[in-house]
Amino acid sequence: QVQLVESGGGLVQAGGSLRLSCAASGRTFSRYAMGWFRQAPGKEREFVVAISRGGGDIVYAGSVKGRFTISRDNAKNTVYLQMNSLKPQDTAVYYCAAAYSGSYSDTPTSGVVYDYWGQGTQVTVSS
C-alpha cells in the first residue's frame, strides 16, 4: 500500500511559478514510476508528466514541455513538479500517482496504469 500526499498548490499570476511536492509512504517508493495528472473544471483528467522509477526517463505532455520539470528523490520518497511560466490554462487540480514498475525505464502516460493516487492540490493561475 502506498499513500500519496500532494502539497504546494495555490494561486499565482500568469508567468509565475509553483513547486508541487508529492510525499509517498512506504519503503518501496523506488519501485514505482511516478506521474502527475491534472483535471480542470468540466474537463477530463489529463496526463502532465511521468518519471521512471530511477528518474532516468521522463515524458512530458506537449502542453507543459519546456515549462514544467519533474524530479524525484527516492531517499526522501518524494516527487516534485516545478512549474514555471504558468498560464491560466494550467489551472486545475493536480494529482500525483504511482505505478508499480518492473522496468527502470517505464514512464506510463495512461492513468489506468497507475495503482495509487493522491488527493490532489489546487493550482489556480490568474490572468
C-alpha atoms as a PDB file:
ATOM      1  CA  GLN A   1       0.000   0.000   0.000  1.00  0.00           C
ATOM      2  CA  VAL A   2       1.266   3.460  -0.935  1.00  0.00           C
ATOM      3  CA  GLN A   3      -0.220   6.703   0.269  1.00  0.00           C
ATOM      4  CA  LEU A   4       0.471   9.883  -1.654  1.00  0.00           C
ATOM      5  CA  VAL A   5       0.085  13.396  -0.302  1.00  0.00           C
ATOM      6  CA  GLU A   6       0.464  16.407  -2.587  1.00  0.00           C
ATOM      7  CA  SER A   7       1.313  19.907  -1.435  1.00  0.00           C
ATOM      8  CA  GLY A   8       2.435  23.217  -2.866  1.00  0.00           C
ATOM      9  CA  GLY A   9      -0.613  24.293  -4.821  1.00  0.00           C
ATOM     10  CA  GLY A  10      -2.009  27.785  -4.653  1.00  0.00           C
ATOM     11  CA  LEU A  11      -2.901  30.948  -6.501  1.00  0.00           C
ATOM     12  CA  VAL A  12      -0.329  32.542  -8.781  1.00  0.00           C
ATOM     13  CA  GLN A  13      -0.350  35.151 -11.509  1.00  0.00           C
ATOM     14  CA  ALA A  14       0.294  34.214 -15.105  1.00  0.00           C
ATOM     15  CA  GLY A  15       4.010  33.919 -15.725  1.00  0.00           C
ATOM     16  CA  GLY A  16       4.670  32.873 -12.164  1.00  0.00           C
ATOM     17  CA  SER A  17       5.965  29.637 -10.694  1.00  0.00           C
ATOM     18  CA  LEU A  18       4.905  26.975  -8.255  1.00  0.00           C
ATOM     19  CA  ARG A  19       6.560  23.840  -6.976  1.00  0.00           C
ATOM     20  CA  LEU A  20       4.391  20.864  -6.151  1.00  0.00           C
ATOM     21  CA  SER A  21       5.554  18.050  -3.935  1.00  0.00           C
ATOM     22  CA  CYS A  22       4.186  14.550  -3.547  1.00  0.00           C
ATOM     23  CA  ALA A  23       5.277  12.597  -0.494  1.00  0.00           C
ATOM     24  CA  ALA A  24       4.829   8.844  -0.547  1.00  0.00           C
ATOM     25  CA  SER A  25       4.559   6.442   2.344  1.00  0.00           C
ATOM     26  CA  GLY A  26       6.136   3.019   2.379  1.00  0.00           C
ATOM     27  CA  ARG A  27       9.562   1.595   1.751  1.00  0.00           C
ATOM     28  CA  THR A  28       9.151   0.652  -1.900  1.00  0.00           C
ATOM     29  CA  PHE A  29       8.914   4.107  -3.483  1.00  0.00           C
ATOM     30  CA  SER A  30      11.835   3.363  -5.783  1.00  0.00           C
ATOM     31  CA  ARG A  31       9.845   0.526  -7.387  1.00  0.00           C
ATOM     32  CA  TYR A  32       7.209   2.929  -8.680  1.00  0.00           C
ATOM     33  CA  ALA A  33       7.117   5.104 -11.735  1.00  0.00           C
ATOM     34  CA  MET A  34       5.506   8.393 -10.769  1.00  0.00           C
ATOM     35  CA  GLY A  35       3.237  10.666 -12.706  1.00  0.00           C
ATOM     36  CA  TRP A  36       1.417  13.961 -12.454  1.00  0.00           C
ATOM     37  CA  PHE A  37      -2.039  14.429 -13.904  1.00  0.00           C
ATOM     38  CA  ARG A  38      -4.425  17.341 -13.783  1.00  0.00           C
ATOM     39  CA  GLN A  39      -8.124  17.946 -14.109  1.00  0.00           C
ATOM     40  CA  ALA A  40      -9.669  21.280 -14.885  1.00  0.00           C
ATOM     41  CA  PRO A  41     -13.339  22.045 -14.154  1.00  0.00           C
ATOM     42  CA  GLY A  42     -15.596  20.430 -16.723  1.00  0.00           C
ATOM     43  CA  LYS A  43     -12.718  18.587 -18.367  1.00  0.00           C
ATOM     44  CA  GLU A  44     -11.348  15.085 -18.227  1.00  0.00           C
ATOM     45  CA  ARG A  45      -8.211  14.262 -16.330  1.00  0.00           C
ATOM     46  CA  GLU A  46      -5.124  14.669 -18.471  1.00  0.00           C
ATOM     47  CA  PHE A  47      -1.571  13.456 -18.314  1.00  0.00           C
ATOM     48  CA  VAL A  48       1.082  16.020 -17.451  1.00  0.00           C
ATOM     49  CA  VAL A  49       4.376  14.190 -16.915  1.00  0.00           C
ATOM     50  CA  ALA A  50       5.827  10.861 -15.829  1.00  0.00           C
ATOM     51  CA  ILE A  51       9.196   9.849 -14.436  1.00  0.00           C
ATOM     52  CA  SER A  52      10.632   6.351 -14.305  1.00  0.00           C
ATOM     53  CA  ARG A  53      11.409   4.626 -11.038  1.00  0.00           C
ATOM     54  CA  GLY A  54      15.074   5.528 -11.261  1.00  0.00           C
ATOM     55  CA  GLY A  55      14.482   9.016 -12.602  1.00  0.00           C
ATOM     56  CA  GLY A  56      16.384   8.455 -15.817  1.00  0.00           C
ATOM     57  CA  ASP A  57      13.398   8.571 -18.159  1.00  0.00           C
ATOM     58  CA  ILE A  58      10.863  11.360 -18.319  1.00  0.00           C
ATOM     59  CA  VAL A  59       7.923  12.079 -20.617  1.00  0.00           C
ATOM     60  CA  TYR A  60       6.098  15.414 -20.725  1.00  0.00           C
ATOM     61  CA  ALA A  61       2.814  16.361 -22.278  1.00  0.00           C
ATOM     62  CA  GLY A  62       3.366  18.778 -25.120  1.00  0.00           C
ATOM     63  CA  SER A  63       1.391  21.499 -23.376  1.00  0.00           C
ATOM     64  CA  VAL A  64       3.893  21.684 -20.488  1.00  0.00           C
ATOM     65  CA  LYS A  65       7.172  20.720 -22.119  1.00  0.00           C
ATOM     66  CA  GLY A  66       9.796  23.355 -21.566  1.00  0.00           C
ATOM     67  CA  ARG A  67       7.869  24.937 -18.692  1.00  0.00           C
ATOM     68  CA  PHE A  68       7.443  22.106 -16.174  1.00  0.00           C
ATOM     69  CA  THR A  69      10.172  19.936 -14.678  1.00  0.00           C
ATOM     70  CA  ILE A  70       9.666  16.728 -12.753  1.00  0.00           C
ATOM     71  CA  SER A  71      12.205  15.250 -10.390  1.00  0.00           C
ATOM     72  CA  ARG A  72      12.257  12.651  -7.664  1.00  0.00           C
ATOM     73  CA  ASP A  73      14.270  11.942  -4.552  1.00  0.00           C
ATOM     74  CA  ASN A  74      13.980   8.260  -3.743  1.00  0.00           C
ATOM     75  CA  ALA A  75      15.779   8.748  -0.434  1.00  0.00           C
ATOM     76  CA  LYS A  76      13.004  11.120   0.639  1.00  0.00           C
ATOM     77  CA  ASN A  77      10.142   9.217  -1.039  1.00  0.00           C
ATOM     78  CA  THR A  78       9.160  12.419  -2.801  1.00  0.00           C
ATOM     79  CA  VAL A  79       8.480  13.556  -6.333  1.00  0.00           C
ATOM     80  CA  TYR A  80       8.454  17.213  -7.328  1.00  0.00           C
ATOM     81  CA  LEU A  81       6.891  19.225 -10.107  1.00  0.00           C
ATOM     82  CA  GLN A  82       8.452  22.600 -10.779  1.00  0.00           C
ATOM     83  CA  MET A  83       6.044  24.685 -12.827  1.00  0.00           C
ATOM     84  CA  ASN A  84       7.337  27.841 -14.478  1.00  0.00           C
ATOM     85  CA  SER A  85       5.777  30.319 -16.891  1.00  0.00           C
ATOM     86  CA  LEU A  86       2.353  29.332 -15.693  1.00  0.00           C
ATOM     87  CA  LYS A  87      -0.652  30.114 -17.836  1.00  0.00           C
ATOM     88  CA  PRO A  88      -4.337  30.442 -16.938  1.00  0.00           C
ATOM     89  CA  GLN A  89      -4.969  27.216 -18.842  1.00  0.00           C
ATOM     90  CA  ASP A  90      -2.762  25.409 -16.334  1.00  0.00           C
ATOM     91  CA  THR A  91      -5.462  25.958 -13.725  1.00  0.00           C
ATOM     92  CA  ALA A  92      -6.554  22.561 -12.441  1.00  0.00           C
ATOM     93  CA  VAL A  93      -6.402  20.125  -9.586  1.00  0.00           C
ATOM     94  CA  TYR A  94      -3.058  18.369  -9.840  1.00  0.00           C
ATOM     95  CA  TYR A  95      -2.739  14.746  -8.803  1.00  0.00           C
ATOM     96  CA  CYS A  96       0.327  12.635  -8.336  1.00  0.00           C
ATOM     97  CA  ALA A  97       0.126   8.929  -8.980  1.00  0.00           C
ATOM     98  CA  ALA A  98       2.296   5.839  -8.550  1.00  0.00           C
ATOM     99  CA  ALA A  99       2.570   2.891 -10.915  1.00  0.00           C
ATOM    100  CA  TYR A 100       4.380  -0.244  -9.799  1.00  0.00           C
ATOM    101  CA  SER A 101       7.026  -0.869 -12.412  1.00  0.00           C
ATOM    102  CA  GLY A 102       9.204  -3.846 -13.177  1.00  0.00           C
ATOM    103  CA  SER A 103      11.232  -1.781 -15.603  1.00  0.00           C
ATOM    104  CA  TYR A 104      13.622   1.029 -14.777  1.00  0.00           C
ATOM    105  CA  SER A 105      12.546   2.932 -17.888  1.00  0.00           C
ATOM    106  CA  ASP A 106       8.743   2.805 -17.693  1.00  0.00           C
ATOM    107  CA  THR A 107       7.052   6.202 -17.961  1.00  0.00           C
ATOM    108  CA  PRO A 108       3.347   5.433 -18.170  1.00  0.00           C
ATOM    109  CA  THR A 109       1.174   8.138 -19.659  1.00  0.00           C
ATOM    110  CA  SER A 110      -2.214   6.470 -19.159  1.00  0.00           C
ATOM    111  CA  GLY A 111      -3.994   6.933 -15.878  1.00  0.00           C
ATOM    112  CA  VAL A 112      -5.387   3.416 -15.917  1.00  0.00           C
ATOM    113  CA  VAL A 113      -1.885   2.034 -15.363  1.00  0.00           C
ATOM    114  CA  TYR A 114      -1.411   3.832 -12.067  1.00  0.00           C
ATOM    115  CA  ASP A 115      -2.072   1.982  -8.855  1.00  0.00           C
ATOM    116  CA  TYR A 116      -2.239   4.789  -6.307  1.00  0.00           C
ATOM    117  CA  TRP A 117      -3.383   8.408  -6.388  1.00  0.00           C
ATOM    118  CA  GLY A 118      -3.085  11.386  -4.121  1.00  0.00           C
ATOM    119  CA  GLN A 119      -5.970  13.574  -3.087  1.00  0.00           C
ATOM    120  CA  GLY A 120      -4.943  16.428  -5.355  1.00  0.00           C
ATOM    121  CA  THR A 121      -3.813  20.003  -4.879  1.00  0.00           C
ATOM    122  CA  GLN A 122      -5.438  23.039  -6.490  1.00  0.00           C
ATOM    123  CA  VAL A 123      -3.408  25.245  -8.793  1.00  0.00           C
ATOM    124  CA  THR A 124      -5.032  28.466  -9.929  1.00  0.00           C
ATOM    125  CA  VAL A 125      -3.345  30.795 -12.385  1.00  0.00           C
ATOM    126  CA  SER A 126      -4.863  34.238 -12.756  1.00  0.00           C
ATOM    127  CA  SER A 127      -4.535  36.303 -15.908  1.00  0.00           C
END
